[in-house]
PDB file of all heavy atoms in Angstrom:
ATOM      1  N   GLY A   1     110.213 106.295 109.663  1.00  0.00           N
ATOM      2  CA  GLY A   1     111.564 105.929 110.069  1.00  0.00           C
ATOM      3  C   GLY A   1     112.015 106.570 111.370  1.00  0.00           C
ATOM      4  O   GLY A   1     113.109 106.272 111.860  1.00  0.00           O
ATOM      5  N   GLU A   2     111.205 107.449 111.958  1.00  0.00           N
ATOM      6  CA  GLU A   2     111.556 108.099 113.232  1.00  0.00           C
ATOM      7  C   GLU A   2     111.505 107.056 114.356  1.00  0.00           C
ATOM      8  O   GLU A   2     110.533 106.305 114.486  1.00  0.00           O
ATOM      9  CB  GLU A   2     110.569 109.229 113.518  1.00  0.00           C
ATOM     10  CG  GLU A   2     110.754 109.919 114.859  1.00  0.00           C
ATOM     11  CD  GLU A   2     112.080 110.634 114.975  1.00  0.00           C
ATOM     12  OE1 GLU A   2     112.358 111.501 114.133  1.00  0.00           O
ATOM     13  OE2 GLU A   2     112.835 110.311 115.911  1.00  0.00           O
ATOM     14  N   THR A   3     112.550 106.991 115.164  1.00  0.00           N
ATOM     15  CA  THR A   3     112.611 105.991 116.233  1.00  0.00           C
ATOM     16  C   THR A   3     112.694 106.601 117.628  1.00  0.00           C
ATOM     17  O   THR A   3     112.466 105.916 118.617  1.00  0.00           O
ATOM     18  CB  THR A   3     113.825 105.066 116.023  1.00  0.00           C
ATOM     19  OG1 THR A   3     115.027 105.866 115.980  1.00  0.00           O
ATOM     20  CG2 THR A   3     113.690 104.281 114.720  1.00  0.00           C
ATOM     21  N   GLU A   4     113.013 107.886 117.711  1.00  0.00           N
ATOM     22  CA  GLU A   4     113.203 108.506 119.019  1.00  0.00           C
ATOM     23  C   GLU A   4     111.883 108.822 119.710  1.00  0.00           C
ATOM     24  O   GLU A   4     111.803 108.859 120.940  1.00  0.00           O
ATOM     25  CB  GLU A   4     114.014 109.797 118.851  1.00  0.00           C
ATOM     26  CG  GLU A   4     114.338 110.489 120.170  1.00  0.00           C
ATOM     27  CD  GLU A   4     115.136 111.761 119.960  1.00  0.00           C
ATOM     28  OE1 GLU A   4     115.590 112.013 118.819  1.00  0.00           O
ATOM     29  OE2 GLU A   4     115.297 112.516 120.944  1.00  0.00           O
ATOM     30  N   PHE A   5     110.817 109.025 118.906  1.00  0.00           N
ATOM     31  CA  PHE A   5     109.533 109.432 119.448  1.00  0.00           C
ATOM     32  C   PHE A   5     108.464 108.386 119.144  1.00  0.00           C
ATOM     33  O   PHE A   5     108.643 107.538 118.269  1.00  0.00           O
ATOM     34  CB  PHE A   5     109.118 110.777 118.836  1.00  0.00           C
ATOM     35  CG  PHE A   5     110.037 111.917 119.167  1.00  0.00           C
ATOM     36  CD1 PHE A   5     111.133 112.206 118.357  1.00  0.00           C
ATOM     37  CD2 PHE A   5     109.821 112.687 120.296  1.00  0.00           C
ATOM     38  CE1 PHE A   5     111.978 113.253 118.654  1.00  0.00           C
ATOM     39  CE2 PHE A   5     110.668 113.743 120.602  1.00  0.00           C
ATOM     40  CZ  PHE A   5     111.752 114.029 119.785  1.00  0.00           C
ATOM     41  N   PRO A   6     107.316 108.455 119.868  1.00  0.00           N
ATOM     42  CA  PRO A   6     106.217 107.528 119.563  1.00  0.00           C
ATOM     43  C   PRO A   6     105.777 107.668 118.113  1.00  0.00           C
ATOM     44  O   PRO A   6     105.748 108.763 117.559  1.00  0.00           O
ATOM     45  CB  PRO A   6     105.102 107.980 120.520  1.00  0.00           C
ATOM     46  CG  PRO A   6     105.795 108.688 121.626  1.00  0.00           C
ATOM     47  CD  PRO A   6     106.992 109.340 120.995  1.00  0.00           C
ATOM     48  N   SER A   7     105.421 106.551 117.502  1.00  0.00           N
ATOM     49  CA  SER A   7     105.042 106.543 116.091  1.00  0.00           C
ATOM     50  C   SER A   7     103.539 106.324 115.937  1.00  0.00           C
ATOM     51  O   SER A   7     102.905 105.677 116.774  1.00  0.00           O
ATOM     52  CB  SER A   7     105.793 105.437 115.347  1.00  0.00           C
ATOM     53  OG  SER A   7     105.318 105.307 114.022  1.00  0.00           O
ATOM     54  N   ALA A   8     102.989 106.878 114.846  1.00  0.00           N
ATOM     55  CA  ALA A   8     101.570 106.691 114.541  1.00  0.00           C
ATOM     56  C   ALA A   8     101.344 105.507 113.609  1.00  0.00           C
ATOM     57  O   ALA A   8     100.201 105.220 113.251  1.00  0.00           O
ATOM     58  CB  ALA A   8     101.014 107.960 113.890  1.00  0.00           C
ATOM     59  N   LYS A   9     102.407 104.797 113.247  1.00  0.00           N
ATOM     60  CA  LYS A   9     102.273 103.771 112.216  1.00  0.00           C
ATOM     61  C   LYS A   9     101.392 102.608 112.658  1.00  0.00           C
ATOM     62  O   LYS A   9     100.796 101.923 111.812  1.00  0.00           O
ATOM     63  CB  LYS A   9     103.648 103.254 111.801  1.00  0.00           C
ATOM     64  CG  LYS A   9     104.398 102.486 112.868  1.00  0.00           C
ATOM     65  CD  LYS A   9     105.751 102.008 112.343  1.00  0.00           C
ATOM     66  CE  LYS A   9     106.506 101.222 113.412  1.00  0.00           C
ATOM     67  NZ  LYS A   9     107.819 100.755 112.905  1.00  0.00           N
ATOM     68  N   ASN A  10     101.283 102.368 113.958  1.00  0.00           N
ATOM     69  CA  ASN A  10     100.470 101.247 114.428  1.00  0.00           C
ATOM     70  C   ASN A  10      99.040 101.651 114.776  1.00  0.00           C
ATOM     71  O   ASN A  10      98.233 100.796 115.144  1.00  0.00           O
ATOM     72  CB  ASN A  10     101.136 100.605 115.651  1.00  0.00           C
ATOM     73  CG  ASN A  10     102.462  99.951 115.299  1.00  0.00           C
ATOM     74  OD1 ASN A  10     102.612  99.374 114.223  1.00  0.00           O
ATOM     75  ND2 ASN A  10     103.428 100.069 116.200  1.00  0.00           N
ATOM     76  N   ALA A  11      98.732 102.932 114.667  1.00  0.00           N
ATOM     77  CA  ALA A  11      97.371 103.388 114.944  1.00  0.00           C
ATOM     78  C   ALA A  11      96.427 102.915 113.842  1.00  0.00           C
ATOM     79  O   ALA A  11      96.817 102.797 112.683  1.00  0.00           O
ATOM     80  CB  ALA A  11      97.325 104.911 115.053  1.00  0.00           C
ATOM     81  N   HIS A  12      95.204 102.638 114.210  1.00  0.00           N
ATOM     82  CA  HIS A  12      94.209 102.241 113.205  1.00  0.00           C
ATOM     83  C   HIS A  12      94.034 103.393 112.224  1.00  0.00           C
ATOM     84  O   HIS A  12      93.925 104.558 112.626  1.00  0.00           O
ATOM     85  CB  HIS A  12      92.869 101.927 113.869  1.00  0.00           C
ATOM     86  CG  HIS A  12      91.907 101.220 112.967  1.00  0.00           C
ATOM     87  ND1 HIS A  12      91.282 101.839 111.911  1.00  0.00           N
ATOM     88  CD2 HIS A  12      91.475  99.930 112.960  1.00  0.00           C
ATOM     89  CE1 HIS A  12      90.500 100.981 111.288  1.00  0.00           C
ATOM     90  NE2 HIS A  12      90.593  99.811 111.902  1.00  0.00           N
ATOM     91  N   PRO A  13      94.033 103.118 110.914  1.00  0.00           N
ATOM     92  CA  PRO A  13      93.924 104.213 109.932  1.00  0.00           C
ATOM     93  C   PRO A  13      92.673 105.061 110.086  1.00  0.00           C
ATOM     94  O   PRO A  13      92.672 106.227 109.691  1.00  0.00           O
ATOM     95  CB  PRO A  13      93.940 103.479 108.581  1.00  0.00           C
ATOM     96  CG  PRO A  13      93.642 102.049 108.893  1.00  0.00           C
ATOM     97  CD  PRO A  13      94.167 101.798 110.269  1.00  0.00           C
ATOM     98  N   PHE A  14      91.617 104.505 110.669  1.00  0.00           N
ATOM     99  CA  PHE A  14      90.392 105.289 110.833  1.00  0.00           C
ATOM    100  C   PHE A  14      90.344 106.044 112.153  1.00  0.00           C
ATOM    101  O   PHE A  14      89.325 106.648 112.492  1.00  0.00           O
ATOM    102  CB  PHE A  14      89.157 104.382 110.713  1.00  0.00           C
ATOM    103  CG  PHE A  14      88.937 103.867 109.308  1.00  0.00           C
ATOM    104  CD1 PHE A  14      88.152 102.761 109.093  1.00  0.00           C
ATOM    105  CD2 PHE A  14      89.528 104.497 108.221  1.00  0.00           C
ATOM    106  CE1 PHE A  14      87.947 102.276 107.808  1.00  0.00           C
ATOM    107  CE2 PHE A  14      89.340 104.031 106.933  1.00  0.00           C
ATOM    108  CZ  PHE A  14      88.545 102.914 106.723  1.00  0.00           C
ATOM    109  N   SER A  15      91.440 105.992 112.913  1.00  0.00           N
ATOM    110  CA  SER A  15      91.481 106.786 114.148  1.00  0.00           C
ATOM    111  C   SER A  15      91.883 108.230 113.865  1.00  0.00           C
ATOM    112  O   SER A  15      91.761 109.096 114.725  1.00  0.00           O
ATOM    113  CB  SER A  15      92.461 106.168 115.149  1.00  0.00           C
ATOM    114  OG  SER A  15      93.783 106.184 114.623  1.00  0.00           O
ATOM    115  N   TYR A  16      92.359 108.482 112.657  1.00  0.00           N
ATOM    116  CA  TYR A  16      92.770 109.836 112.270  1.00  0.00           C
ATOM    117  C   TYR A  16      92.207 110.127 110.887  1.00  0.00           C
ATOM    118  O   TYR A  16      92.706 109.636 109.876  1.00  0.00           O
ATOM    119  CB  TYR A  16      94.297 109.942 112.256  1.00  0.00           C
ATOM    120  CG  TYR A  16      94.816 111.255 111.717  1.00  0.00           C
ATOM    121  CD1 TYR A  16      94.900 112.377 112.538  1.00  0.00           C
ATOM    122  CD2 TYR A  16      95.202 111.388 110.383  1.00  0.00           C
ATOM    123  CE1 TYR A  16      95.365 113.593 112.039  1.00  0.00           C
ATOM    124  CE2 TYR A  16      95.667 112.598 109.883  1.00  0.00           C
ATOM    125  CZ  TYR A  16      95.743 113.684 110.718  1.00  0.00           C
ATOM    126  OH  TYR A  16      96.190 114.891 110.222  1.00  0.00           O
ATOM    127  N   MET A  17      91.124 110.900 110.846  1.00  0.00           N
ATOM    128  CA  MET A  17      90.489 111.246 109.571  1.00  0.00           C
ATOM    129  C   MET A  17      89.961 112.684 109.618  1.00  0.00           C
ATOM    130  O   MET A  17      88.765 112.919 109.521  1.00  0.00           O
ATOM    131  CB  MET A  17      89.336 110.293 109.264  1.00  0.00           C
ATOM    132  CG  MET A  17      89.743 108.864 109.021  1.00  0.00           C
ATOM    133  SD  MET A  17      88.338 107.859 108.472  1.00  0.00           S
ATOM    134  CE  MET A  17      87.282 107.951 109.926  1.00  0.00           C
ATOM    135  N   PRO A  18      90.836 113.671 109.788  1.00  0.00           N
ATOM    136  CA  PRO A  18      90.346 115.048 109.938  1.00  0.00           C
ATOM    137  C   PRO A  18      89.644 115.602 108.708  1.00  0.00           C
ATOM    138  O   PRO A  18      88.878 116.563 108.812  1.00  0.00           O
ATOM    139  CB  PRO A  18      91.617 115.833 110.253  1.00  0.00           C
ATOM    140  CG  PRO A  18      92.718 115.020 109.653  1.00  0.00           C
ATOM    141  CD  PRO A  18      92.297 113.590 109.838  1.00  0.00           C
ATOM    142  N   PHE A  19      89.899 115.005 107.542  1.00  0.00           N
ATOM    143  CA  PHE A  19      89.252 115.469 106.322  1.00  0.00           C
ATOM    144  C   PHE A  19      88.217 114.484 105.799  1.00  0.00           C
ATOM    145  O   PHE A  19      87.777 114.577 104.663  1.00  0.00           O
ATOM    146  CB  PHE A  19      90.303 115.723 105.235  1.00  0.00           C
ATOM    147  CG  PHE A  19      91.212 116.875 105.546  1.00  0.00           C
ATOM    148  CD1 PHE A  19      92.464 116.658 106.097  1.00  0.00           C
ATOM    149  CD2 PHE A  19      90.813 118.178 105.290  1.00  0.00           C
ATOM    150  CE1 PHE A  19      93.310 117.719 106.390  1.00  0.00           C
ATOM    151  CE2 PHE A  19      91.654 119.253 105.581  1.00  0.00           C
ATOM    152  CZ  PHE A  19      92.906 119.020 106.123  1.00  0.00           C
ATOM    153  N   GLY A  20      87.816 113.537 106.644  1.00  0.00           N
ATOM    154  CA  GLY A  20      86.840 112.556 106.216  1.00  0.00           C
ATOM    155  C   GLY A  20      87.512 111.368 105.564  1.00  0.00           C
ATOM    156  O   GLY A  20      88.719 111.139 105.708  1.00  0.00           O
ATOM    157  N   PHE A  21      86.711 110.603 104.820  1.00  0.00           N
ATOM    158  CA  PHE A  21      87.195 109.338 104.292  1.00  0.00           C
ATOM    159  C   PHE A  21      86.516 109.008 102.966  1.00  0.00           C
ATOM    160  O   PHE A  21      85.348 109.324 102.751  1.00  0.00           O
ATOM    161  CB  PHE A  21      86.910 108.216 105.301  1.00  0.00           C
ATOM    162  CG  PHE A  21      87.070 106.835 104.733  1.00  0.00           C
ATOM    163  CD1 PHE A  21      88.327 106.285 104.542  1.00  0.00           C
ATOM    164  CD2 PHE A  21      85.953 106.081 104.381  1.00  0.00           C
ATOM    165  CE1 PHE A  21      88.472 105.014 104.005  1.00  0.00           C
ATOM    166  CE2 PHE A  21      86.093 104.810 103.851  1.00  0.00           C
ATOM    167  CZ  PHE A  21      87.357 104.273 103.668  1.00  0.00           C
ATOM    168  N   GLY A  22      87.265 108.358 102.093  1.00  0.00           N
ATOM    169  CA  GLY A  22      86.690 107.783 100.887  1.00  0.00           C
ATOM    170  C   GLY A  22      86.253 108.810  99.860  1.00  0.00           C
ATOM    171  O   GLY A  22      86.796 109.912  99.769  1.00  0.00           O
ATOM    172  N   ALA A  23      85.232 108.437  99.101  1.00  0.00           N
ATOM    173  CA  ALA A  23      84.778 109.267  97.987  1.00  0.00           C
ATOM    174  C   ALA A  23      84.266 110.626  98.451  1.00  0.00           C
ATOM    175  O   ALA A  23      84.303 111.604  97.707  1.00  0.00           O
ATOM    176  CB  ALA A  23      83.680 108.537  97.206  1.00  0.00           C
ATOM    177  N   ARG A  24      83.789 110.706  99.710  1.00  0.00           N
ATOM    178  CA  ARG A  24      83.258 111.968 100.214  1.00  0.00           C
ATOM    179  C   ARG A  24      84.272 112.705 101.077  1.00  0.00           C
ATOM    180  O   ARG A  24      83.909 113.602 101.845  1.00  0.00           O
ATOM    181  CB  ARG A  24      81.963 111.731 101.005  1.00  0.00           C
ATOM    182  CG  ARG A  24      80.789 111.328 100.131  1.00  0.00           C
ATOM    183  CD  ARG A  24      79.436 111.536 100.814  1.00  0.00           C
ATOM    184  NE  ARG A  24      78.977 112.900 100.668  1.00  0.00           N
ATOM    185  CZ  ARG A  24      77.727 113.246 100.342  1.00  0.00           C
ATOM    186  NH1 ARG A  24      76.836 112.321 100.100  1.00  0.00           N
ATOM    187  NH2 ARG A  24      77.385 114.503 100.252  1.00  0.00           N
ATOM    188  N   THR A  25      85.530 112.352 100.942  1.00  0.00           N
ATOM    189  CA  THR A  25      86.552 113.101 101.674  1.00  0.00           C
ATOM    190  C   THR A  25      86.509 114.572 101.261  1.00  0.00           C
ATOM    191  O   THR A  25      86.077 114.909 100.157  1.00  0.00           O
ATOM    192  CB  THR A  25      87.951 112.500 101.405  1.00  0.00           C
ATOM    193  OG1 THR A  25      88.890 113.084 102.301  1.00  0.00           O
ATOM    194  CG2 THR A  25      88.392 112.764  99.981  1.00  0.00           C
ATOM    195  N   CYS A  26      86.947 115.457 102.143  1.00  0.00           N
ATOM    196  CA  CYS A  26      86.884 116.903 101.893  1.00  0.00           C
ATOM    197  C   CYS A  26      87.560 117.261 100.572  1.00  0.00           C
ATOM    198  O   CYS A  26      88.762 117.020 100.393  1.00  0.00           O
ATOM    199  CB  CYS A  26      87.552 117.658 103.034  1.00  0.00           C
ATOM    200  SG  CYS A  26      87.707 119.439 102.761  1.00  0.00           S
ATOM    201  N   ILE A  27      86.804 117.844  99.673  1.00  0.00           N
ATOM    202  CA  ILE A  27      87.339 118.132  98.345  1.00  0.00           C
ATOM    203  C   ILE A  27      88.309 119.315  98.355  1.00  0.00           C
ATOM    204  O   ILE A  27      89.127 119.465  97.465  1.00  0.00           O
ATOM    205  CB  ILE A  27      86.198 118.376  97.337  1.00  0.00           C
ATOM    206  CG1 ILE A  27      86.719 118.219  95.904  1.00  0.00           C
ATOM    207  CG2 ILE A  27      85.547 119.757  97.565  1.00  0.00           C
ATOM    208  CD1 ILE A  27      85.641 118.088  94.866  1.00  0.00           C
ATOM    209  N   GLY A  28      88.246 120.138  99.385  1.00  0.00           N
ATOM    210  CA  GLY A  28      89.145 121.289  99.467  1.00  0.00           C
ATOM    211  C   GLY A  28      90.400 121.037 100.276  1.00  0.00           C
ATOM    212  O   GLY A  28      91.154 121.972 100.563  1.00  0.00           O
ATOM    213  N   ARG A  29      90.647 119.778 100.620  1.00  0.00           N
ATOM    214  CA  ARG A  29      91.769 119.450 101.501  1.00  0.00           C
ATOM    215  C   ARG A  29      93.107 119.981 100.990  1.00  0.00           C
ATOM    216  O   ARG A  29      93.858 120.613 101.732  1.00  0.00           O
ATOM    217  CB  ARG A  29      91.848 117.930 101.679  1.00  0.00           C
ATOM    218  CG  ARG A  29      93.097 117.479 102.416  1.00  0.00           C
ATOM    219  CD  ARG A  29      93.151 115.978 102.588  1.00  0.00           C
ATOM    220  NE  ARG A  29      94.330 115.586 103.349  1.00  0.00           N
ATOM    221  CZ  ARG A  29      94.538 114.360 103.836  1.00  0.00           C
ATOM    222  NH1 ARG A  29      93.644 113.415 103.620  1.00  0.00           N
ATOM    223  NH2 ARG A  29      95.631 114.096 104.529  1.00  0.00           N
ATOM    224  N   ARG A  30      93.425 119.725  99.737  1.00  0.00           N
ATOM    225  CA  ARG A  30      94.741 120.113  99.220  1.00  0.00           C
ATOM    226  C   ARG A  30      94.931 121.618  99.266  1.00  0.00           C
ATOM    227  O   ARG A  30      96.005 122.116  99.594  1.00  0.00           O
ATOM    228  CB  ARG A  30      94.929 119.583  97.803  1.00  0.00           C
ATOM    229  CG  ARG A  30      94.996 118.072  97.731  1.00  0.00           C
ATOM    230  CD  ARG A  30      95.540 117.596  96.400  1.00  0.00           C
ATOM    231  NE  ARG A  30      95.478 116.151  96.297  1.00  0.00           N
ATOM    232  CZ  ARG A  30      96.360 115.315  96.856  1.00  0.00           C
ATOM    233  NH1 ARG A  30      97.371 115.803  97.561  1.00  0.00           N
ATOM    234  NH2 ARG A  30      96.232 114.004  96.725  1.00  0.00           N
ATOM    235  N   PHE A  31      93.882 122.362  98.920  1.00  0.00           N
ATOM    236  CA  PHE A  31      93.990 123.824  98.942  1.00  0.00           C
ATOM    237  C   PHE A  31      94.163 124.331 100.367  1.00  0.00           C
ATOM    238  O   PHE A  31      94.972 125.226 100.623  1.00  0.00           O
ATOM    239  CB  PHE A  31      92.763 124.446  98.289  1.00  0.00           C
ATOM    240  CG  PHE A  31      92.667 124.181  96.810  1.00  0.00           C
ATOM    241  CD1 PHE A  31      91.574 123.528  96.279  1.00  0.00           C
ATOM    242  CD2 PHE A  31      93.676 124.576  95.948  1.00  0.00           C
ATOM    243  CE1 PHE A  31      91.482 123.279  94.924  1.00  0.00           C
ATOM    244  CE2 PHE A  31      93.599 124.341  94.586  1.00  0.00           C
ATOM    245  CZ  PHE A  31      92.502 123.684  94.071  1.00  0.00           C
ATOM    246  N   ALA A  32      93.392 123.779 101.314  1.00  0.00           N
ATOM    247  CA  ALA A  32      93.476 124.230 102.704  1.00  0.00           C
ATOM    248  C   ALA A  32      94.869 123.967 103.278  1.00  0.00           C
ATOM    249  O   ALA A  32      95.485 124.855 103.899  1.00  0.00           O
ATOM    250  CB  ALA A  32      92.407 123.537 103.539  1.00  0.00           C
ATOM    251  N   GLU A  33      95.367 122.747 103.099  1.00  0.00           N
ATOM    252  CA  GLU A  33      96.697 122.409 103.617  1.00  0.00           C
ATOM    253  C   GLU A  33      97.770 123.298 102.988  1.00  0.00           C
ATOM    254  O   GLU A  33      98.679 123.779 103.682  1.00  0.00           O
ATOM    255  CB  GLU A  33      97.011 120.938 103.331  1.00  0.00           C
ATOM    256  CG  GLU A  33      96.175 119.964 104.134  1.00  0.00           C
ATOM    257  CD  GLU A  33      96.495 118.521 103.796  1.00  0.00           C
ATOM    258  OE1 GLU A  33      96.769 118.231 102.613  1.00  0.00           O
ATOM    259  OE2 GLU A  33      96.461 117.679 104.716  1.00  0.00           O
ATOM    260  N   PHE A  34      97.642 123.517 101.715  1.00  0.00           N
ATOM    261  CA  PHE A  34      98.609 124.324 100.969  1.00  0.00           C
ATOM    262  C   PHE A  34      98.632 125.768 101.472  1.00  0.00           C
ATOM    263  O   PHE A  34      99.703 126.338 101.726  1.00  0.00           O
ATOM    264  CB  PHE A  34      98.224 124.239  99.493  1.00  0.00           C
ATOM    265  CG  PHE A  34      98.885 125.239  98.597  1.00  0.00           C
ATOM    266  CD1 PHE A  34     100.247 125.232  98.401  1.00  0.00           C
ATOM    267  CD2 PHE A  34      98.121 126.175  97.915  1.00  0.00           C
ATOM    268  CE1 PHE A  34     100.848 126.144  97.542  1.00  0.00           C
ATOM    269  CE2 PHE A  34      98.711 127.084  97.068  1.00  0.00           C
ATOM    270  CZ  PHE A  34     100.078 127.072  96.884  1.00  0.00           C
ATOM    271  N   GLU A  35      97.474 126.384 101.640  1.00  0.00           N
ATOM    272  CA  GLU A  35      97.403 127.762 102.138  1.00  0.00           C
ATOM    273  C   GLU A  35      98.048 127.870 103.511  1.00  0.00           C
ATOM    274  O   GLU A  35      98.817 128.805 103.791  1.00  0.00           O
ATOM    275  CB  GLU A  35      95.941 128.208 102.223  1.00  0.00           C
ATOM    276  CG  GLU A  35      95.221 128.350 100.891  1.00  0.00           C
ATOM    277  CD  GLU A  35      93.725 128.507 101.081  1.00  0.00           C
ATOM    278  OE1 GLU A  35      93.320 129.251 101.993  1.00  0.00           O
ATOM    279  OE2 GLU A  35      92.952 127.877 100.336  1.00  0.00           O
TER     280      GLU A  35
END
């Protein structure tokens, strides 16, 4: 809903995958982000 700044909503979903993708996505993602 942010309108003042550029939005990432139109970017291809696979252009941003810092934790990988799909079944082999990083299993420790939630813990890392949380810490």
